Amino acid sequence: MTTLQRVESLAFIGTKAYNSYVPNQPKLDQAYMDMAERWGSLSHAVRKKVGALVVKGGQIISDGFNGAPTGFPNACEGEDGETLPHVLHAESNALSKLARGTQSSENATLYVTLSPCFQCAKLIAQSGISRVVYKTAYSDRSGLEFLAKCDIEVEEITSSEKVSLSFHDSGTPCSD
């Protein structure tokens, strides 16, 4: 890539077009998904531990995992094993953190270990996220269908292979 092409591609950071200019996007997607899985492992949920990262311009701008709101007990399920009504989904947690800060999720990518439910899909669309990458499909696919209706790019990562990235002196990710 020439210097001019690189400068032109940097103008697209944070937009849908950005992904087409990243030569290692599949490798980066897997690395971000690995991080989302690790983040999800922090959840106190017993049934499903879900993690989410919001990435914009190559930067992680927010994170979340399924769990109770601040100030509530950490339990996610009741004695019957059902999810408690106050528990937040990972996507909702990540987007709520953005609402309290100065970052914008406009044209960002959301990495989430379990595909969004319908309620979270509405939040994702309203937040301006332009791409959702997930690892496992949720049993109710209405969230994915809604995202498609909103023209949000949706991609499933099927590989569980852990990846490592190496960097040139310029700081650009490259193949190992």
Protein backbone atom coordinates (compact mmCIF):
# COMPACT_ATOMS: atom_id res chain seq x y z
CA MET A 1 0.00 0.00 0.00
CA THR A 2 1.39 3.38 -0.95
CA THR A 3 1.57 6.26 1.49
CA LEU A 4 -1.28 8.03 -0.33
CA GLN A 5 -3.49 4.90 -0.18
CA ARG A 6 -2.73 4.57 3.51
CA VAL A 7 -3.63 8.21 4.19
CA GLU A 8 -6.84 7.82 2.17
CA SER A 9 -7.71 4.65 4.08
CA LEU A 10 -7.17 6.42 7.41
CA ALA A 11 -9.88 8.88 6.39
CA PHE A 12 -12.31 5.95 6.52
CA ILE A 13 -11.45 4.85 10.06
CA GLY A 14 -14.66 4.38 11.98
CA THR A 15 -16.83 3.88 8.91
CA LYS A 16 -18.15 0.78 7.17
CA ALA A 17 -15.53 1.29 4.48
CA TYR A 18 -12.74 0.97 7.06
CA ASN A 19 -13.00 -2.82 7.19
CA SER A 20 -12.23 -3.17 3.48
CA TYR A 21 -8.91 -1.36 4.01
CA VAL A 22 -7.66 -3.60 6.81
CA PRO A 23 -5.71 -6.48 5.27
CA ASN A 24 -5.85 -8.60 8.43
CA GLN A 25 -9.49 -7.98 9.36
CA PRO A 26 -10.31 -11.68 9.91
CA LYS A 27 -7.32 -12.02 12.22
CA LEU A 28 -8.23 -8.82 14.06
CA ASP A 29 -11.84 -9.98 14.35
CA GLN A 30 -10.71 -13.22 15.96
CA ALA A 31 -8.37 -11.36 18.33
CA TYR A 32 -11.15 -9.00 19.44
CA MET A 33 -13.49 -11.99 19.86
CA ASP A 34 -10.86 -13.72 22.01
CA MET A 35 -10.78 -10.59 24.19
CA ALA A 36 -14.60 -10.47 24.35
CA GLU A 37 -14.61 -14.10 25.52
CA ARG A 38 -12.07 -13.28 28.21
CA TRP A 39 -14.15 -10.29 29.28
CA GLY A 40 -17.26 -12.47 29.40
CA SER A 41 -15.48 -14.83 31.79
CA LEU A 42 -15.75 -12.06 34.41
CA SER A 43 -19.54 -12.47 34.51
CA HIS A 44 -21.07 -13.99 37.64
CA ALA A 45 -23.70 -15.72 35.46
CA VAL A 46 -23.87 -19.49 35.75
CA ARG A 47 -25.74 -20.35 32.52
CA LYS A 48 -24.17 -17.99 29.98
CA LYS A 49 -21.08 -15.83 30.31
CA VAL A 50 -21.27 -13.23 27.54
CA GLY A 51 -18.69 -10.57 26.72
CA ALA A 52 -18.82 -7.57 24.39
CA LEU A 53 -16.33 -5.04 23.04
CA VAL A 54 -17.03 -1.89 21.04
CA VAL A 55 -14.17 -1.09 18.66
CA LYS A 56 -13.77 2.06 16.59
CA GLY A 57 -10.79 3.06 14.49
CA GLY A 58 -8.75 0.15 15.84
CA GLN A 59 -9.38 1.20 19.46
CA ILE A 60 -11.49 -0.57 22.08
CA ILE A 61 -13.80 2.20 23.27
CA SER A 62 -16.05 0.16 25.56
CA ASP A 63 -16.55 -3.27 27.04
CA GLY A 64 -19.22 -5.15 28.91
CA PHE A 65 -20.34 -8.50 30.20
CA ASN A 66 -23.70 -9.78 31.35
CA GLY A 67 -24.32 -8.93 34.97
CA ALA A 68 -26.14 -6.91 37.55
CA PRO A 69 -26.15 -3.11 37.51
CA THR A 70 -23.76 -1.28 39.82
CA GLY A 71 -24.92 -1.52 43.41
CA PHE A 72 -26.89 -4.77 42.96
CA PRO A 73 -25.79 -8.20 44.22
CA ASN A 74 -23.67 -10.02 41.62
CA ALA A 75 -26.01 -13.02 41.22
CA CYS A 76 -27.45 -13.25 37.71
CA GLU A 77 -29.84 -16.17 38.22
CA GLY A 78 -32.44 -16.82 40.87
CA GLU A 79 -32.83 -20.05 42.83
CA ASP A 80 -34.94 -21.41 39.97
CA GLY A 81 -32.00 -20.92 37.56
CA GLU A 82 -33.78 -18.23 35.55
CA THR A 83 -32.08 -14.92 34.77
CA LEU A 84 -33.05 -12.19 37.22
CA PRO A 85 -35.01 -9.31 35.64
CA HIS A 86 -32.45 -6.62 36.52
CA VAL A 87 -29.49 -8.35 34.81
CA LEU A 88 -28.01 -6.42 31.89
CA HIS A 89 -26.83 -8.11 28.71
CA ALA A 90 -23.20 -7.61 27.67
CA GLU A 91 -24.11 -5.38 24.72
CA SER A 92 -26.34 -3.22 26.88
CA ASN A 93 -23.59 -2.88 29.46
CA ALA A 94 -21.01 -1.84 26.85
CA LEU A 95 -23.34 0.71 25.24
CA SER A 96 -24.38 2.10 28.65
CA LYS A 97 -20.73 2.74 29.50
CA LEU A 98 -20.40 4.75 26.28
CA ALA A 99 -23.42 6.83 27.23
CA ARG A 100 -21.64 7.88 30.43
CA GLY A 101 -18.45 8.90 28.62
CA THR A 102 -17.31 11.05 25.73
CA GLN A 103 -16.84 8.37 23.06
CA SER A 104 -19.34 7.81 20.24
CA SER A 105 -20.33 4.39 18.93
CA GLU A 106 -21.26 5.86 15.54
CA ASN A 107 -19.87 3.50 12.83
CA ALA A 108 -18.14 1.27 15.39
CA THR A 109 -17.98 -2.53 15.42
CA LEU A 110 -19.50 -4.54 18.26
CA TYR A 111 -17.87 -7.88 19.09
CA VAL A 112 -20.13 -10.08 21.19
CA THR A 113 -19.78 -13.73 22.13
CA LEU A 114 -23.53 -14.46 21.81
CA SER A 115 -25.61 -12.87 19.06
CA PRO A 116 -27.84 -10.03 20.27
CA CYS A 117 -31.42 -10.55 21.41
CA PHE A 118 -34.09 -8.35 19.87
CA GLN A 119 -33.98 -5.78 22.72
CA CYS A 120 -30.19 -5.39 22.43
CA ALA A 121 -30.43 -5.22 18.62
CA LYS A 122 -32.67 -2.17 18.97
CA LEU A 123 -30.07 -0.51 21.22
CA ILE A 124 -27.29 -1.41 18.79
CA ALA A 125 -29.15 0.12 15.85
CA GLN A 126 -30.01 3.26 17.79
CA SER A 127 -26.40 3.67 18.96
CA GLY A 128 -25.04 3.90 15.41
CA ILE A 129 -23.04 0.65 15.46
CA SER A 130 -22.43 -0.29 11.82
CA ARG A 131 -21.07 -3.83 12.22
CA VAL A 132 -21.75 -6.69 14.65
CA VAL A 133 -19.46 -9.71 14.90
CA TYR A 134 -20.63 -12.62 17.04
CA LYS A 135 -19.40 -16.12 17.86
CA THR A 136 -22.47 -18.14 18.88
CA ALA A 137 -26.02 -17.63 17.66
CA TYR A 138 -28.66 -16.96 20.32
CA SER A 139 -31.65 -19.32 20.10
CA ASP A 140 -33.96 -16.43 19.13
CA ARG A 141 -32.63 -15.02 15.85
CA SER A 142 -35.01 -12.03 15.77
CA GLY A 143 -32.17 -9.74 16.90
CA LEU A 144 -30.04 -10.73 13.91
CA GLU A 145 -33.02 -10.29 11.58
CA PHE A 146 -33.64 -6.81 12.98
CA LEU A 147 -29.99 -5.80 12.52
CA ALA A 148 -30.16 -6.95 8.89
CA LYS A 149 -33.30 -4.81 8.35
CA CYS A 150 -31.32 -1.86 9.72
CA ASP A 151 -28.52 -2.45 7.18
CA ILE A 152 -26.06 -3.26 9.93
CA GLU A 153 -23.34 -5.62 8.76
CA VAL A 154 -23.53 -8.87 10.74
CA GLU A 155 -20.84 -11.54 10.73
CA GLU A 156 -20.45 -14.82 12.59
CA ILE A 157 -16.98 -16.00 13.57
CA THR A 158 -16.94 -19.76 13.48
CA SER A 159 -13.27 -20.36 14.26
CA SER A 160 -12.23 -20.88 17.85
CA GLU A 161 -8.56 -20.72 16.94
CA LYS A 162 -6.68 -18.24 19.13
CA VAL A 163 -4.63 -15.74 17.16
CA SER A 164 -1.57 -13.65 17.70
CA LEU A 165 -0.74 -10.46 15.86
CA SER A 166 2.66 -9.09 15.00
CA PHE A 167 3.41 -5.48 14.11
CA HIS A 168 5.79 -3.75 11.73
CA ASP A 169 7.80 -0.82 13.02
CA SER A 170 5.02 1.41 11.67
CA GLY A 171 2.56 -0.12 14.14
CA THR A 172 0.45 -1.69 11.38
CA PRO A 173 -0.76 -5.24 12.06
CA CYS A 174 0.78 -7.77 9.68
CA SER A 175 0.83 -11.52 9.16
CA ASP A 176 3.02 -13.69 11.34
